[in-house]
């Protein structure tokens, strides 16, 4: 009887430990994304939640981008890889995109 409980418990513990570092890394990504956004994007875009408008009015607020209906990580990644006439041709590294995208999506309003 004890073995029947012990084996699944050990399996669960091993699974949680295996996920631990990856989960911690995912939690840090939006924080790193905010830091990068302030360094790279804030000259034109409003990057922080609740900011009234972008320094350059044609540049959308990150909060507005996050709240476009149906906005996804894939859509933001595609937008970051697509040149825009009014946007400098920014060449972001993969890890920078992997940080900025979750930050932008963290600005999405929740329906409560």
Protein backbone atom coordinates (compact mmCIF):
# COMPACT_ATOMS: atom_id res chain seq x y z
CA UNK A 1 0.00 0.00 0.00
CA UNK A 2 2.78 2.45 0.93
CA UNK A 3 4.62 1.66 -2.31
CA UNK A 4 1.49 2.52 -4.31
CA UNK A 5 1.57 6.04 -2.84
CA UNK A 6 5.34 6.47 -2.77
CA UNK A 7 6.05 5.80 -6.46
CA UNK A 8 3.60 8.40 -7.85
CA UNK A 9 4.78 10.91 -5.25
CA UNK A 10 8.41 10.46 -6.27
CA UNK A 11 7.46 10.76 -9.95
CA UNK A 12 5.61 14.00 -9.25
CA UNK A 13 8.54 15.41 -7.27
CA UNK A 14 11.02 14.55 -10.04
CA UNK A 15 8.74 16.20 -12.61
CA UNK A 16 8.43 19.38 -10.57
CA UNK A 17 12.17 19.56 -10.01
CA UNK A 18 12.78 19.10 -13.72
CA UNK A 19 10.43 21.99 -14.53
CA UNK A 20 11.74 24.28 -11.81
CA UNK A 21 14.64 26.08 -13.55
CA UNK A 22 12.70 26.52 -16.81
CA UNK A 23 9.73 27.97 -14.95
CA UNK A 24 11.98 30.36 -13.04
CA UNK A 25 13.54 31.50 -16.30
CA UNK A 26 10.09 32.13 -17.82
CA UNK A 27 9.09 34.22 -14.81
CA UNK A 28 12.15 36.46 -15.28
CA UNK A 29 11.57 37.02 -18.99
CA UNK A 30 8.93 39.77 -18.64
CA UNK A 31 11.16 41.57 -16.12
CA UNK A 32 14.10 41.42 -18.50
CA UNK A 33 11.77 42.44 -21.31
CA UNK A 34 10.79 45.61 -19.45
CA UNK A 35 14.44 46.51 -18.92
CA UNK A 36 15.19 45.96 -22.61
CA UNK A 37 12.07 47.86 -23.70
CA UNK A 38 13.15 50.84 -21.60
CA UNK A 39 16.62 50.73 -23.18
CA UNK A 40 15.66 50.00 -26.78
CA UNK A 41 12.04 50.97 -27.41
CA UNK A 42 11.12 53.76 -24.98
CA UNK A 43 12.51 56.54 -27.17
CA UNK A 44 9.47 56.08 -29.38
CA UNK A 45 7.00 53.77 -27.57
CA UNK A 46 5.29 54.01 -24.22
CA UNK A 47 6.51 50.75 -22.73
CA UNK A 48 5.14 50.78 -19.18
CA UNK A 49 1.66 49.85 -18.08
CA UNK A 50 -0.59 52.85 -17.56
CA UNK A 51 1.60 55.29 -19.49
CA UNK A 52 -0.67 57.86 -21.14
CA UNK A 53 0.93 58.03 -24.62
CA UNK A 54 4.11 57.27 -26.51
CA UNK A 55 6.87 59.88 -26.81
CA UNK A 56 6.36 59.70 -30.60
CA UNK A 57 2.57 59.73 -31.14
CA UNK A 58 2.55 57.41 -34.19
CA UNK A 59 4.30 54.70 -32.14
CA UNK A 60 1.69 52.57 -30.37
CA UNK A 61 1.84 52.03 -26.63
CA UNK A 62 2.98 48.52 -25.70
CA UNK A 63 -0.18 48.20 -23.59
CA UNK A 64 -2.29 48.99 -26.68
CA UNK A 65 -0.40 46.40 -28.71
CA UNK A 66 -0.95 43.76 -26.01
CA UNK A 67 -4.67 44.46 -25.96
CA UNK A 68 -5.35 44.20 -29.68
CA UNK A 69 -8.00 41.46 -29.95
CA UNK A 70 -6.35 38.16 -30.79
CA UNK A 71 -2.81 39.41 -30.17
CA UNK A 72 -0.38 36.53 -29.78
CA UNK A 73 3.32 36.02 -29.22
CA UNK A 74 3.63 34.86 -32.83
CA UNK A 75 2.00 38.07 -34.12
CA UNK A 76 4.40 40.23 -32.09
CA UNK A 77 7.40 38.22 -33.29
CA UNK A 78 6.29 38.63 -36.91
CA UNK A 79 5.82 42.37 -36.35
CA UNK A 80 9.30 42.65 -34.86
CA UNK A 81 10.76 40.92 -37.92
CA UNK A 82 8.84 43.12 -40.37
CA UNK A 83 10.19 46.51 -41.34
CA UNK A 84 7.90 49.50 -40.83
CA UNK A 85 8.40 52.82 -42.66
CA UNK A 86 8.14 54.86 -39.46
CA UNK A 87 10.16 52.46 -37.29
CA UNK A 88 13.95 52.13 -37.29
CA UNK A 89 15.17 48.80 -38.62
CA UNK A 90 15.88 47.22 -35.23
CA UNK A 91 17.79 43.95 -35.31
CA UNK A 92 16.94 42.27 -32.03
CA UNK A 93 18.70 39.12 -30.91
CA UNK A 94 16.56 36.02 -30.35
CA UNK A 95 16.94 36.20 -26.56
CA UNK A 96 15.90 39.87 -26.61
CA UNK A 97 12.75 38.96 -28.53
CA UNK A 98 12.19 36.06 -26.12
CA UNK A 99 12.20 38.64 -23.29
CA UNK A 100 10.32 41.54 -24.89
CA UNK A 101 7.42 39.47 -26.27
CA UNK A 102 6.36 38.04 -22.87
CA UNK A 103 6.71 41.52 -21.38
CA UNK A 104 4.35 43.00 -23.98
CA UNK A 105 1.86 40.17 -23.46
CA UNK A 106 2.06 40.71 -19.68
CA UNK A 107 0.39 44.08 -20.30
CA UNK A 108 -2.77 42.40 -21.58
CA UNK A 109 -5.81 43.28 -19.50
CA UNK A 110 -7.53 40.35 -17.92
CA UNK A 111 -11.28 39.97 -18.23
CA UNK A 112 -12.65 39.86 -14.70
